[in-house]
């Protein structure tokens, strides 16, 4: 309940401040994907699954209001999950050093809502190093992530490779360290992007897992 109240207050304040501004364009996206496993912050939430996602982003000045609905439908006996996220964010710098901060609330099926504040810093240079920090405001739990990535133009398609190192607190006394590497091959046709990816995911509580998938995204 606390998370819902705080998020509603933030969104109300945003829209009150933005009411006098010129209307901003709304950018939306919808997509679907088959994945061999559902991995989030190093945790395998399900095995083989079909996923679908729809979201929006609207910007007014330096602020963004964004929302996203994501569903993961397992093809075996694993529990299906639905996640609804709504948040507000804004950029601080737009040069070689880019920063973005915000807050969002996620409602997940079978669990309580989570309100997280986040901050991300990215350096506009080779491998685009990015550091992100997330804080669960209800339970005071932190997640830290560092990422590197690079995209190669292969003419017929784009090849993106990346690596991630993170640590997430699942309780006041337990935390997990996770690493991963991913390669994604994608092709864009106007507003439609078709892709396939393969990743290696590791967590200090389990063995390495190879994850692959194929999907598409449409922007509108």
C-alpha atoms as a PDB file:
ATOM      1  CA  UNK A   1       0.000   0.000   0.000  1.00  0.00           C
ATOM      2  CA  UNK A   2       2.827   2.386   0.851  1.00  0.00           C
ATOM      3  CA  UNK A   3       4.365   1.834  -2.590  1.00  0.00           C
ATOM      4  CA  UNK A   4       1.057   2.549  -4.329  1.00  0.00           C
ATOM      5  CA  UNK A   5       0.520   5.780  -2.386  1.00  0.00           C
ATOM      6  CA  UNK A   6       4.038   7.088  -3.078  1.00  0.00           C
ATOM      7  CA  UNK A   7       3.867   6.246  -6.774  1.00  0.00           C
ATOM      8  CA  UNK A   8       0.446   7.841  -7.140  1.00  0.00           C
ATOM      9  CA  UNK A   9       1.721  10.998  -5.450  1.00  0.00           C
ATOM     10  CA  UNK A  10       4.755  11.185  -7.727  1.00  0.00           C
ATOM     11  CA  UNK A  11       2.696  10.712 -10.861  1.00  0.00           C
ATOM     12  CA  UNK A  12       0.085  13.246  -9.726  1.00  0.00           C
ATOM     13  CA  UNK A  13       2.784  15.838  -9.039  1.00  0.00           C
ATOM     14  CA  UNK A  14       4.310  15.205 -12.429  1.00  0.00           C
ATOM     15  CA  UNK A  15       1.059  15.646 -14.311  1.00  0.00           C
ATOM     16  CA  UNK A  16       0.147  18.780 -12.362  1.00  0.00           C
ATOM     17  CA  UNK A  17       3.495  20.356 -13.287  1.00  0.00           C
ATOM     18  CA  UNK A  18       3.193  19.184 -16.875  1.00  0.00           C
ATOM     19  CA  UNK A  19      -0.396  20.314 -17.375  1.00  0.00           C
ATOM     20  CA  UNK A  20       0.636  23.774 -18.539  1.00  0.00           C
ATOM     21  CA  UNK A  21       3.309  22.459 -20.918  1.00  0.00           C
ATOM     22  CA  UNK A  22       2.778  21.681 -24.581  1.00  0.00           C
ATOM     23  CA  UNK A  23       1.461  18.149 -25.273  1.00  0.00           C
ATOM     24  CA  UNK A  24       4.269  15.641 -25.634  1.00  0.00           C
ATOM     25  CA  UNK A  25       4.371  12.717 -28.022  1.00  0.00           C
ATOM     26  CA  UNK A  26       3.768   9.287 -26.580  1.00  0.00           C
ATOM     27  CA  UNK A  27       6.155   6.546 -27.713  1.00  0.00           C
ATOM     28  CA  UNK A  28       4.918   2.996 -27.377  1.00  0.00           C
ATOM     29  CA  UNK A  29       6.231  -0.499 -27.986  1.00  0.00           C
ATOM     30  CA  UNK A  30       4.884  -4.030 -28.071  1.00  0.00           C
ATOM     31  CA  UNK A  31       6.828  -7.256 -28.338  1.00  0.00           C
ATOM     32  CA  UNK A  32       6.908 -10.985 -27.839  1.00  0.00           C
ATOM     33  CA  UNK A  33       9.678 -13.510 -27.255  1.00  0.00           C
ATOM     34  CA  UNK A  34      10.332 -17.206 -26.820  1.00  0.00           C
ATOM     35  CA  UNK A  35      13.037 -17.829 -24.214  1.00  0.00           C
ATOM     36  CA  UNK A  36      14.627 -20.998 -22.902  1.00  0.00           C
ATOM     37  CA  UNK A  37      14.765 -19.481 -19.375  1.00  0.00           C
ATOM     38  CA  UNK A  38      13.570 -16.300 -17.648  1.00  0.00           C
ATOM     39  CA  UNK A  39      16.532 -14.665 -15.919  1.00  0.00           C
ATOM     40  CA  UNK A  40      16.197 -11.508 -13.796  1.00  0.00           C
ATOM     41  CA  UNK A  41      19.131 -10.183 -11.782  1.00  0.00           C
ATOM     42  CA  UNK A  42      20.760 -13.589 -11.814  1.00  0.00           C
ATOM     43  CA  UNK A  43      17.662 -15.407 -10.590  1.00  0.00           C
ATOM     44  CA  UNK A  44      16.058 -18.007 -12.881  1.00  0.00           C
ATOM     45  CA  UNK A  45      12.349 -17.314 -12.437  1.00  0.00           C
ATOM     46  CA  UNK A  46      11.191 -19.970 -14.889  1.00  0.00           C
ATOM     47  CA  UNK A  47      12.371 -22.375 -17.559  1.00  0.00           C
ATOM     48  CA  UNK A  48      11.063 -22.381 -21.139  1.00  0.00           C
ATOM     49  CA  UNK A  49       8.497 -19.614 -21.614  1.00  0.00           C
ATOM     50  CA  UNK A  50       6.620 -17.345 -23.998  1.00  0.00           C
ATOM     51  CA  UNK A  51       6.821 -13.673 -23.075  1.00  0.00           C
ATOM     52  CA  UNK A  52       4.856 -10.607 -24.149  1.00  0.00           C
ATOM     53  CA  UNK A  53       5.390  -6.951 -23.343  1.00  0.00           C
ATOM     54  CA  UNK A  54       3.668  -3.630 -24.015  1.00  0.00           C
ATOM     55  CA  UNK A  55       4.823  -0.239 -22.778  1.00  0.00           C
ATOM     56  CA  UNK A  56       4.884   3.504 -23.254  1.00  0.00           C
ATOM     57  CA  UNK A  57       7.080   6.529 -22.585  1.00  0.00           C
ATOM     58  CA  UNK A  58       6.041  10.169 -22.653  1.00  0.00           C
ATOM     59  CA  UNK A  59       8.501  13.006 -22.077  1.00  0.00           C
ATOM     60  CA  UNK A  60       7.834  16.549 -20.901  1.00  0.00           C
ATOM     61  CA  UNK A  61      10.971  18.656 -20.598  1.00  0.00           C
ATOM     62  CA  UNK A  62      13.650  16.591 -18.893  1.00  0.00           C
ATOM     63  CA  UNK A  63      11.144  14.221 -17.259  1.00  0.00           C
ATOM     64  CA  UNK A  64       9.743  10.906 -18.467  1.00  0.00           C
ATOM     65  CA  UNK A  65       6.667   8.995 -17.394  1.00  0.00           C
ATOM     66  CA  UNK A  66       6.921   5.357 -18.384  1.00  0.00           C
ATOM     67  CA  UNK A  67       4.876   2.215 -17.976  1.00  0.00           C
ATOM     68  CA  UNK A  68       5.317  -1.413 -18.914  1.00  0.00           C
ATOM     69  CA  UNK A  69       3.304  -4.629 -18.679  1.00  0.00           C
ATOM     70  CA  UNK A  70       5.301  -7.854 -18.963  1.00  0.00           C
ATOM     71  CA  UNK A  71       3.977 -11.411 -18.830  1.00  0.00           C
ATOM     72  CA  UNK A  72       6.017 -14.615 -18.669  1.00  0.00           C
ATOM     73  CA  UNK A  73       4.000 -17.727 -19.507  1.00  0.00           C
ATOM     74  CA  UNK A  74       5.968 -20.892 -18.743  1.00  0.00           C
ATOM     75  CA  UNK A  75       5.397 -23.834 -21.069  1.00  0.00           C
ATOM     76  CA  UNK A  76       5.819 -26.400 -18.271  1.00  0.00           C
ATOM     77  CA  UNK A  77       4.659 -26.458 -14.647  1.00  0.00           C
ATOM     78  CA  UNK A  78       6.554 -23.342 -13.560  1.00  0.00           C
ATOM     79  CA  UNK A  79       4.527 -20.468 -12.141  1.00  0.00           C
ATOM     80  CA  UNK A  80       3.501 -17.797 -14.648  1.00  0.00           C
ATOM     81  CA  UNK A  81       4.342 -14.200 -13.732  1.00  0.00           C
ATOM     82  CA  UNK A  82       2.800 -10.861 -14.646  1.00  0.00           C
ATOM     83  CA  UNK A  83       4.543  -7.571 -13.887  1.00  0.00           C
ATOM     84  CA  UNK A  84       3.110  -4.046 -14.178  1.00  0.00           C
ATOM     85  CA  UNK A  85       5.592  -1.182 -13.811  1.00  0.00           C
ATOM     86  CA  UNK A  86       4.903   2.561 -13.686  1.00  0.00           C
ATOM     87  CA  UNK A  87       7.551   5.187 -12.995  1.00  0.00           C
ATOM     88  CA  UNK A  88       8.989   8.673 -13.388  1.00  0.00           C
ATOM     89  CA  UNK A  89      12.558   9.581 -14.336  1.00  0.00           C
ATOM     90  CA  UNK A  90      14.775  12.312 -15.698  1.00  0.00           C
ATOM     91  CA  UNK A  91      18.215  12.896 -17.160  1.00  0.00           C
ATOM     92  CA  UNK A  92      20.892  15.041 -15.502  1.00  0.00           C
ATOM     93  CA  UNK A  93      23.607  15.293 -18.167  1.00  0.00           C
ATOM     94  CA  UNK A  94      23.672  14.816 -21.933  1.00  0.00           C
ATOM     95  CA  UNK A  95      27.314  14.770 -22.915  1.00  0.00           C
ATOM     96  CA  UNK A  96      30.164  12.308 -22.514  1.00  0.00           C
ATOM     97  CA  UNK A  97      28.751  11.532 -19.076  1.00  0.00           C
ATOM     98  CA  UNK A  98      25.050  10.684 -18.990  1.00  0.00           C
ATOM     99  CA  UNK A  99      23.051  10.214 -15.806  1.00  0.00           C
ATOM    100  CA  UNK A 100      19.446   9.196 -15.270  1.00  0.00           C
ATOM    101  CA  UNK A 101      17.518   8.936 -11.997  1.00  0.00           C
ATOM    102  CA  UNK A 102      13.973   7.961 -11.160  1.00  0.00           C
ATOM    103  CA  UNK A 103      11.542   5.864  -9.199  1.00  0.00           C
ATOM    104  CA  UNK A 104       9.165   3.111 -10.269  1.00  0.00           C
ATOM    105  CA  UNK A 105       6.624   0.776  -8.746  1.00  0.00           C
ATOM    106  CA  UNK A 106       6.275  -2.858  -9.881  1.00  0.00           C
ATOM    107  CA  UNK A 107       3.199  -4.972  -9.166  1.00  0.00           C
ATOM    108  CA  UNK A 108       4.001  -8.689  -9.547  1.00  0.00           C
ATOM    109  CA  UNK A 109       1.520 -11.552  -9.480  1.00  0.00           C
ATOM    110  CA  UNK A 110       1.834 -13.615  -6.326  1.00  0.00           C
ATOM    111  CA  UNK A 111       3.836 -10.990  -4.412  1.00  0.00           C
ATOM    112  CA  UNK A 112       3.525  -7.500  -2.967  1.00  0.00           C
ATOM    113  CA  UNK A 113       4.353  -4.357  -4.918  1.00  0.00           C
ATOM    114  CA  UNK A 114       7.933  -3.065  -4.922  1.00  0.00           C
ATOM    115  CA  UNK A 115       8.882   0.600  -5.064  1.00  0.00           C
ATOM    116  CA  UNK A 116      12.462   1.138  -6.206  1.00  0.00           C
ATOM    117  CA  UNK A 117      14.517   4.275  -6.657  1.00  0.00           C
ATOM    118  CA  UNK A 118      17.337   4.050  -9.179  1.00  0.00           C
ATOM    119  CA  UNK A 119      20.296   5.963 -10.566  1.00  0.00           C
ATOM    120  CA  UNK A 120      22.290   5.150 -13.702  1.00  0.00           C
ATOM    121  CA  UNK A 121      25.536   6.666 -14.978  1.00  0.00           C
ATOM    122  CA  UNK A 122      26.926   5.932 -18.436  1.00  0.00           C
ATOM    123  CA  UNK A 123      30.132   7.133 -20.116  1.00  0.00           C
ATOM    124  CA  UNK A 124      29.870   7.782 -23.839  1.00  0.00           C
ATOM    125  CA  UNK A 125      33.028   5.978 -24.879  1.00  0.00           C
ATOM    126  CA  UNK A 126      34.190   2.562 -26.073  1.00  0.00           C
ATOM    127  CA  UNK A 127      32.066  -0.276 -24.592  1.00  0.00           C
ATOM    128  CA  UNK A 128      29.659   2.300 -23.079  1.00  0.00           C
ATOM    129  CA  UNK A 129      30.450   1.467 -19.420  1.00  0.00           C
ATOM    130  CA  UNK A 130      27.318   1.797 -17.295  1.00  0.00           C
ATOM    131  CA  UNK A 131      26.835   1.629 -13.526  1.00  0.00           C
ATOM    132  CA  UNK A 132      23.345   1.339 -12.018  1.00  0.00           C
ATOM    133  CA  UNK A 133      22.093   1.353  -8.415  1.00  0.00           C
ATOM    134  CA  UNK A 134      18.596   0.278  -7.318  1.00  0.00           C
ATOM    135  CA  UNK A 135      17.109   0.627  -3.841  1.00  0.00           C
ATOM    136  CA  UNK A 136      13.956  -1.073  -2.605  1.00  0.00           C
ATOM    137  CA  UNK A 137      12.406   1.723  -0.532  1.00  0.00           C
ATOM    138  CA  UNK A 138      10.260  -0.567   1.632  1.00  0.00           C
ATOM    139  CA  UNK A 139      12.892  -3.105   2.690  1.00  0.00           C
ATOM    140  CA  UNK A 140      16.056  -0.987   2.171  1.00  0.00           C
ATOM    141  CA  UNK A 141      17.550  -3.595  -0.172  1.00  0.00           C
ATOM    142  CA  UNK A 142      20.133  -2.633  -2.801  1.00  0.00           C
ATOM    143  CA  UNK A 143      21.111  -3.925  -6.235  1.00  0.00           C
ATOM    144  CA  UNK A 144      24.324  -2.799  -7.943  1.00  0.00           C
ATOM    145  CA  UNK A 145      25.055  -3.495 -11.610  1.00  0.00           C
ATOM    146  CA  UNK A 146      27.911  -2.752 -13.983  1.00  0.00           C
ATOM    147  CA  UNK A 147      27.602  -3.309 -17.732  1.00  0.00           C
ATOM    148  CA  UNK A 148      29.748  -3.119 -20.858  1.00  0.00           C
ATOM    149  CA  UNK A 149      28.425  -3.399 -24.421  1.00  0.00           C
ATOM    150  CA  UNK A 150      29.283  -2.723 -28.051  1.00  0.00           C
ATOM    151  CA  UNK A 151      27.314  -2.976 -31.298  1.00  0.00           C
ATOM    152  CA  UNK A 152      28.843  -4.034 -34.608  1.00  0.00           C
ATOM    153  CA  UNK A 153      27.187  -3.083 -37.906  1.00  0.00           C
ATOM    154  CA  UNK A 154      27.386  -6.229 -40.044  1.00  0.00           C
ATOM    155  CA  UNK A 155      25.469  -4.558 -42.917  1.00  0.00           C
ATOM    156  CA  UNK A 156      22.846  -7.304 -43.032  1.00  0.00           C
ATOM    157  CA  UNK A 157      22.217  -7.101 -39.268  1.00  0.00           C
ATOM    158  CA  UNK A 158      23.523  -5.612 -36.020  1.00  0.00           C
ATOM    159  CA  UNK A 159      25.535  -7.714 -33.598  1.00  0.00           C
ATOM    160  CA  UNK A 160      25.540  -6.523 -29.988  1.00  0.00           C
ATOM    161  CA  UNK A 161      27.737  -8.102 -27.346  1.00  0.00           C
ATOM    162  CA  UNK A 162      27.706  -7.271 -23.677  1.00  0.00           C
ATOM    163  CA  UNK A 163      28.695  -8.287 -20.192  1.00  0.00           C
ATOM    164  CA  UNK A 164      27.177  -7.682 -16.774  1.00  0.00           C
ATOM    165  CA  UNK A 165      28.318  -7.972 -13.162  1.00  0.00           C
ATOM    166  CA  UNK A 166      25.894  -7.396 -10.324  1.00  0.00           C
ATOM    167  CA  UNK A 167      25.050  -7.925  -6.690  1.00  0.00           C
ATOM    168  CA  UNK A 168      21.517  -7.957  -5.316  1.00  0.00           C
ATOM    169  CA  UNK A 169      20.217  -8.192  -1.753  1.00  0.00           C
ATOM    170  CA  UNK A 170      17.287 -10.596  -1.446  1.00  0.00           C
ATOM    171  CA  UNK A 171      16.916  -9.994   2.296  1.00  0.00           C
ATOM    172  CA  UNK A 172      18.609  -8.073   5.104  1.00  0.00           C
ATOM    173  CA  UNK A 173      21.098 -10.934   5.566  1.00  0.00           C
ATOM    174  CA  UNK A 174      21.330 -12.585   2.110  1.00  0.00           C
ATOM    175  CA  UNK A 175      22.810 -11.254  -1.118  1.00  0.00           C
ATOM    176  CA  UNK A 176      23.704 -12.862  -4.458  1.00  0.00           C
ATOM    177  CA  UNK A 177      26.434 -11.987  -6.930  1.00  0.00           C
ATOM    178  CA  UNK A 178      25.682 -12.641 -10.584  1.00  0.00           C
ATOM    179  CA  UNK A 179      27.505 -12.337 -13.905  1.00  0.00           C
ATOM    180  CA  UNK A 180      26.470 -12.728 -17.505  1.00  0.00           C
ATOM    181  CA  UNK A 181      27.512 -12.359 -21.131  1.00  0.00           C
ATOM    182  CA  UNK A 182      25.138 -11.952 -24.056  1.00  0.00           C
ATOM    183  CA  UNK A 183      25.302 -11.747 -27.849  1.00  0.00           C
ATOM    184  CA  UNK A 184      22.306 -10.485 -29.801  1.00  0.00           C
ATOM    185  CA  UNK A 185      21.769 -10.422 -33.571  1.00  0.00           C
ATOM    186  CA  UNK A 186      19.015  -8.068 -34.744  1.00  0.00           C
ATOM    187  CA  UNK A 187      17.542  -6.601 -37.910  1.00  0.00           C
ATOM    188  CA  UNK A 188      15.270  -3.549 -38.095  1.00  0.00           C
ATOM    189  CA  UNK A 189      12.564  -3.074 -40.719  1.00  0.00           C
ATOM    190  CA  UNK A 190      11.158   0.443 -40.236  1.00  0.00           C
ATOM    191  CA  UNK A 191       9.492   0.194 -36.790  1.00  0.00           C
ATOM    192  CA  UNK A 192       9.861  -3.578 -36.468  1.00  0.00           C
ATOM    193  CA  UNK A 193      12.921  -5.146 -34.880  1.00  0.00           C
ATOM    194  CA  UNK A 194      13.517  -8.907 -35.129  1.00  0.00           C
ATOM    195  CA  UNK A 195      16.251 -10.476 -32.998  1.00  0.00           C
ATOM    196  CA  UNK A 196      17.771 -13.606 -31.556  1.00  0.00           C
ATOM    197  CA  UNK A 197      20.104 -13.810 -28.584  1.00  0.00           C
ATOM    198  CA  UNK A 198      22.173 -16.217 -26.555  1.00  0.00           C
ATOM    199  CA  UNK A 199      23.520 -15.608 -23.059  1.00  0.00           C
ATOM    200  CA  UNK A 200      25.515 -17.289 -20.325  1.00  0.00           C
ATOM    201  CA  UNK A 201      24.198 -16.536 -16.836  1.00  0.00           C
ATOM    202  CA  UNK A 202      25.938 -17.360 -13.564  1.00  0.00           C
ATOM    203  CA  UNK A 203      24.973 -16.915  -9.935  1.00  0.00           C
ATOM    204  CA  UNK A 204      26.957 -17.768  -6.803  1.00  0.00           C
ATOM    205  CA  UNK A 205      24.106 -20.059  -5.709  1.00  0.00           C
ATOM    206  CA  UNK A 206      23.891 -22.182  -8.893  1.00  0.00           C
ATOM    207  CA  UNK A 207      25.823 -23.432 -11.931  1.00  0.00           C
ATOM    208  CA  UNK A 208      26.232 -21.613 -15.245  1.00  0.00           C
ATOM    209  CA  UNK A 209      23.136 -21.569 -17.426  1.00  0.00           C
ATOM    210  CA  UNK A 210      22.990 -21.004 -21.176  1.00  0.00           C
ATOM    211  CA  UNK A 211      19.895 -19.044 -22.201  1.00  0.00           C
ATOM    212  CA  UNK A 212      18.702 -18.365 -25.725  1.00  0.00           C
ATOM    213  CA  UNK A 213      15.688 -16.757 -27.305  1.00  0.00           C
ATOM    214  CA  UNK A 214      14.093 -15.220 -30.371  1.00  0.00           C
ATOM    215  CA  UNK A 215      11.647 -12.344 -30.507  1.00  0.00           C
ATOM    216  CA  UNK A 216      10.388  -9.161 -32.097  1.00  0.00           C
ATOM    217  CA  UNK A 217       9.568  -5.609 -31.031  1.00  0.00           C
ATOM    218  CA  UNK A 218       7.339  -3.045 -32.720  1.00  0.00           C
ATOM    219  CA  UNK A 219       7.542   0.683 -31.940  1.00  0.00           C
ATOM    220  CA  UNK A 220       4.629   3.020 -32.513  1.00  0.00           C
END
